[in-house]
Amino acid sequence: MVFIWRGFGWAVPATVVIGLAISQALCNSIFGEGYYENNEWPVTAAMIVSAILIGALGYFLNYKKRVVVVLGETGKKEKSKPHSLFFIPIEYWAIIIPALYFLL
């Protein structure tokens, strides 16, 4: 699969993968080996936390820290293109990821 991103769009899959890895490591170290594999709630919790982090990151990057570009020829001000993954802005992935998880 080819990933197409702009700016920090690569952070969406990285956040999900890191969240799942941390969840697995914590659950297996606290509750014992095999707990993560035998229970569904750690994955659900990791997906929800990842979605919250992705939403916050998208809001911060695409609304708070987005660069305003001044076009040289016309002097018109425009915002730079949003950080995105597969042409979808990062903050929308905070809804898409849990929806895909719960539907699949």
C-alpha atoms as a PDB file:
ATOM      1  CA  MET A   1       0.000   0.000   0.000  1.00  0.00           C
ATOM      2  CA  VAL A   2       1.319   3.413  -0.938  1.00  0.00           C
ATOM      3  CA  PHE A   3       0.890   6.169   1.624  1.00  0.00           C
ATOM      4  CA  ILE A   4       0.209   9.631   0.270  1.00  0.00           C
ATOM      5  CA  TRP A   5       0.646  12.421   2.787  1.00  0.00           C
ATOM      6  CA  ARG A   6       1.281  16.125   2.970  1.00  0.00           C
ATOM      7  CA  GLY A   7       3.155  17.681   5.871  1.00  0.00           C
ATOM      8  CA  PHE A   8       2.674  15.666   9.042  1.00  0.00           C
ATOM      9  CA  GLY A   9       0.131  13.269   7.515  1.00  0.00           C
ATOM     10  CA  TRP A  10       2.556  10.431   8.207  1.00  0.00           C
ATOM     11  CA  ALA A  11       1.855  10.959  11.919  1.00  0.00           C
ATOM     12  CA  VAL A  12      -1.613   9.372  11.617  1.00  0.00           C
ATOM     13  CA  PRO A  13      -0.504   5.754  11.050  1.00  0.00           C
ATOM     14  CA  ALA A  14       2.527   6.294  13.293  1.00  0.00           C
ATOM     15  CA  THR A  15       0.285   7.408  16.177  1.00  0.00           C
ATOM     16  CA  VAL A  16      -1.974   4.376  15.784  1.00  0.00           C
ATOM     17  CA  VAL A  17       0.904   1.895  15.601  1.00  0.00           C
ATOM     18  CA  ILE A  18       2.753   3.452  18.534  1.00  0.00           C
ATOM     19  CA  GLY A  19      -0.473   3.571  20.561  1.00  0.00           C
ATOM     20  CA  LEU A  20      -1.127  -0.127  19.932  1.00  0.00           C
ATOM     21  CA  ALA A  21       2.458  -1.028  20.813  1.00  0.00           C
ATOM     22  CA  ILE A  22       2.367   0.942  24.066  1.00  0.00           C
ATOM     23  CA  SER A  23      -0.993  -0.594  24.958  1.00  0.00           C
ATOM     24  CA  GLN A  24       0.333  -4.093  24.368  1.00  0.00           C
ATOM     25  CA  ALA A  25       3.499  -3.482  26.363  1.00  0.00           C
ATOM     26  CA  LEU A  26       1.617  -1.946  29.303  1.00  0.00           C
ATOM     27  CA  CYS A  27      -1.111  -4.595  29.450  1.00  0.00           C
ATOM     28  CA  ASN A  28       1.314  -7.511  29.206  1.00  0.00           C
ATOM     29  CA  SER A  29       3.633  -6.033  31.823  1.00  0.00           C
ATOM     30  CA  ILE A  30       0.842  -5.141  34.282  1.00  0.00           C
ATOM     31  CA  PHE A  31      -1.565  -8.072  33.834  1.00  0.00           C
ATOM     32  CA  GLY A  32       0.818 -10.777  32.603  1.00  0.00           C
ATOM     33  CA  GLU A  33       1.884 -12.250  29.288  1.00  0.00           C
ATOM     34  CA  GLY A  34      -0.901 -12.924  26.813  1.00  0.00           C
ATOM     35  CA  TYR A  35      -3.412 -10.545  28.413  1.00  0.00           C
ATOM     36  CA  TYR A  36      -3.378  -8.166  25.436  1.00  0.00           C
ATOM     37  CA  GLU A  37      -3.981 -10.972  22.960  1.00  0.00           C
ATOM     38  CA  ASN A  38      -6.824 -12.522  24.999  1.00  0.00           C
ATOM     39  CA  ASN A  39      -8.799  -9.326  25.691  1.00  0.00           C
ATOM     40  CA  GLU A  40     -10.342  -6.823  23.328  1.00  0.00           C
ATOM     41  CA  TRP A  41     -10.543  -3.741  25.542  1.00  0.00           C
ATOM     42  CA  PRO A  42      -6.828  -2.768  25.318  1.00  0.00           C
ATOM     43  CA  VAL A  43      -7.082  -2.420  21.533  1.00  0.00           C
ATOM     44  CA  THR A  44     -10.291  -0.404  21.835  1.00  0.00           C
ATOM     45  CA  ALA A  45      -8.723   1.878  24.431  1.00  0.00           C
ATOM     46  CA  ALA A  46      -5.615   2.340  22.272  1.00  0.00           C
ATOM     47  CA  MET A  47      -7.766   3.253  19.256  1.00  0.00           C
ATOM     48  CA  ILE A  48      -9.753   5.803  21.251  1.00  0.00           C
ATOM     49  CA  VAL A  49      -6.631   7.403  22.744  1.00  0.00           C
ATOM     50  CA  SER A  50      -4.951   7.460  19.322  1.00  0.00           C
ATOM     51  CA  ALA A  51      -8.012   9.123  17.796  1.00  0.00           C
ATOM     52  CA  ILE A  52      -8.004  11.804  20.498  1.00  0.00           C
ATOM     53  CA  LEU A  53      -4.291  12.472  19.942  1.00  0.00           C
ATOM     54  CA  ILE A  54      -4.743  12.612  16.159  1.00  0.00           C
ATOM     55  CA  GLY A  55      -7.661  15.020  16.507  1.00  0.00           C
ATOM     56  CA  ALA A  56      -5.643  17.296  18.783  1.00  0.00           C
ATOM     57  CA  LEU A  57      -2.629  17.142  16.471  1.00  0.00           C
ATOM     58  CA  GLY A  58      -4.774  17.932  13.434  1.00  0.00           C
ATOM     59  CA  TYR A  59      -6.444  20.869  15.168  1.00  0.00           C
ATOM     60  CA  PHE A  60      -3.100  22.234  16.297  1.00  0.00           C
ATOM     61  CA  LEU A  61      -1.371  21.863  12.922  1.00  0.00           C
ATOM     62  CA  ASN A  62      -4.217  22.761  10.572  1.00  0.00           C
ATOM     63  CA  TYR A  63      -5.877  25.554  12.534  1.00  0.00           C
ATOM     64  CA  LYS A  64      -3.481  26.990  15.088  1.00  0.00           C
ATOM     65  CA  LYS A  65      -0.080  26.725  13.379  1.00  0.00           C
ATOM     66  CA  ARG A  66      -1.007  26.838   9.697  1.00  0.00           C
ATOM     67  CA  VAL A  67       1.252  29.189   7.745  1.00  0.00           C
ATOM     68  CA  VAL A  68      -0.185  32.161   5.868  1.00  0.00           C
ATOM     69  CA  VAL A  69       1.451  32.520   2.453  1.00  0.00           C
ATOM     70  CA  VAL A  70       1.595  35.861   0.621  1.00  0.00           C
ATOM     71  CA  LEU A  71       1.569  35.446  -3.142  1.00  0.00           C
ATOM     72  CA  GLY A  72       4.346  37.530  -4.678  1.00  0.00           C
ATOM     73  CA  GLU A  73       2.555  38.679  -7.837  1.00  0.00           C
ATOM     74  CA  THR A  74      -0.805  39.682  -6.383  1.00  0.00           C
ATOM     75  CA  GLY A  75      -0.024  40.179  -2.699  1.00  0.00           C
ATOM     76  CA  LYS A  76      -3.009  37.967  -1.851  1.00  0.00           C
ATOM     77  CA  LYS A  77      -2.840  36.071   1.436  1.00  0.00           C
ATOM     78  CA  GLU A  78      -3.625  32.361   1.494  1.00  0.00           C
ATOM     79  CA  LYS A  79      -3.276  29.625   4.066  1.00  0.00           C
ATOM     80  CA  SER A  80      -0.881  26.841   3.198  1.00  0.00           C
ATOM     81  CA  LYS A  81      -2.293  23.461   2.292  1.00  0.00           C
ATOM     82  CA  PRO A  82      -3.442  21.368   5.272  1.00  0.00           C
ATOM     83  CA  HIS A  83      -1.501  18.435   6.667  1.00  0.00           C
ATOM     84  CA  SER A  84      -3.234  15.368   5.257  1.00  0.00           C
ATOM     85  CA  LEU A  85      -3.122  11.620   4.670  1.00  0.00           C
ATOM     86  CA  PHE A  86      -4.673  10.288   1.454  1.00  0.00           C
ATOM     87  CA  PHE A  87      -5.866  13.857   0.732  1.00  0.00           C
ATOM     88  CA  ILE A  88      -7.956  13.866   3.952  1.00  0.00           C
ATOM     89  CA  PRO A  89      -6.937  16.437   6.610  1.00  0.00           C
ATOM     90  CA  ILE A  90      -5.428  14.924   9.761  1.00  0.00           C
ATOM     91  CA  GLU A  91      -8.243  15.944  12.114  1.00  0.00           C
ATOM     92  CA  TYR A  92     -10.823  13.959  10.093  1.00  0.00           C
ATOM     93  CA  TRP A  93      -8.826  10.785  10.719  1.00  0.00           C
ATOM     94  CA  ALA A  94      -9.795  11.123  14.386  1.00  0.00           C
ATOM     95  CA  ILE A  95     -13.311  10.109  13.278  1.00  0.00           C
ATOM     96  CA  ILE A  96     -12.362   7.711  10.480  1.00  0.00           C
ATOM     97  CA  ILE A  97     -10.008   5.477  12.506  1.00  0.00           C
ATOM     98  CA  PRO A  98     -12.464   4.563  15.305  1.00  0.00           C
ATOM     99  CA  ALA A  99     -15.266   4.194  12.754  1.00  0.00           C
ATOM    100  CA  LEU A 100     -13.190   1.729  10.725  1.00  0.00           C
ATOM    101  CA  TYR A 101     -12.195  -0.132  13.879  1.00  0.00           C
ATOM    102  CA  PHE A 102     -15.746  -0.502  15.153  1.00  0.00           C
ATOM    103  CA  LEU A 103     -17.210  -1.340  11.724  1.00  0.00           C
ATOM    104  CA  LEU A 104     -14.576  -3.911  10.822  1.00  0.00           C
END
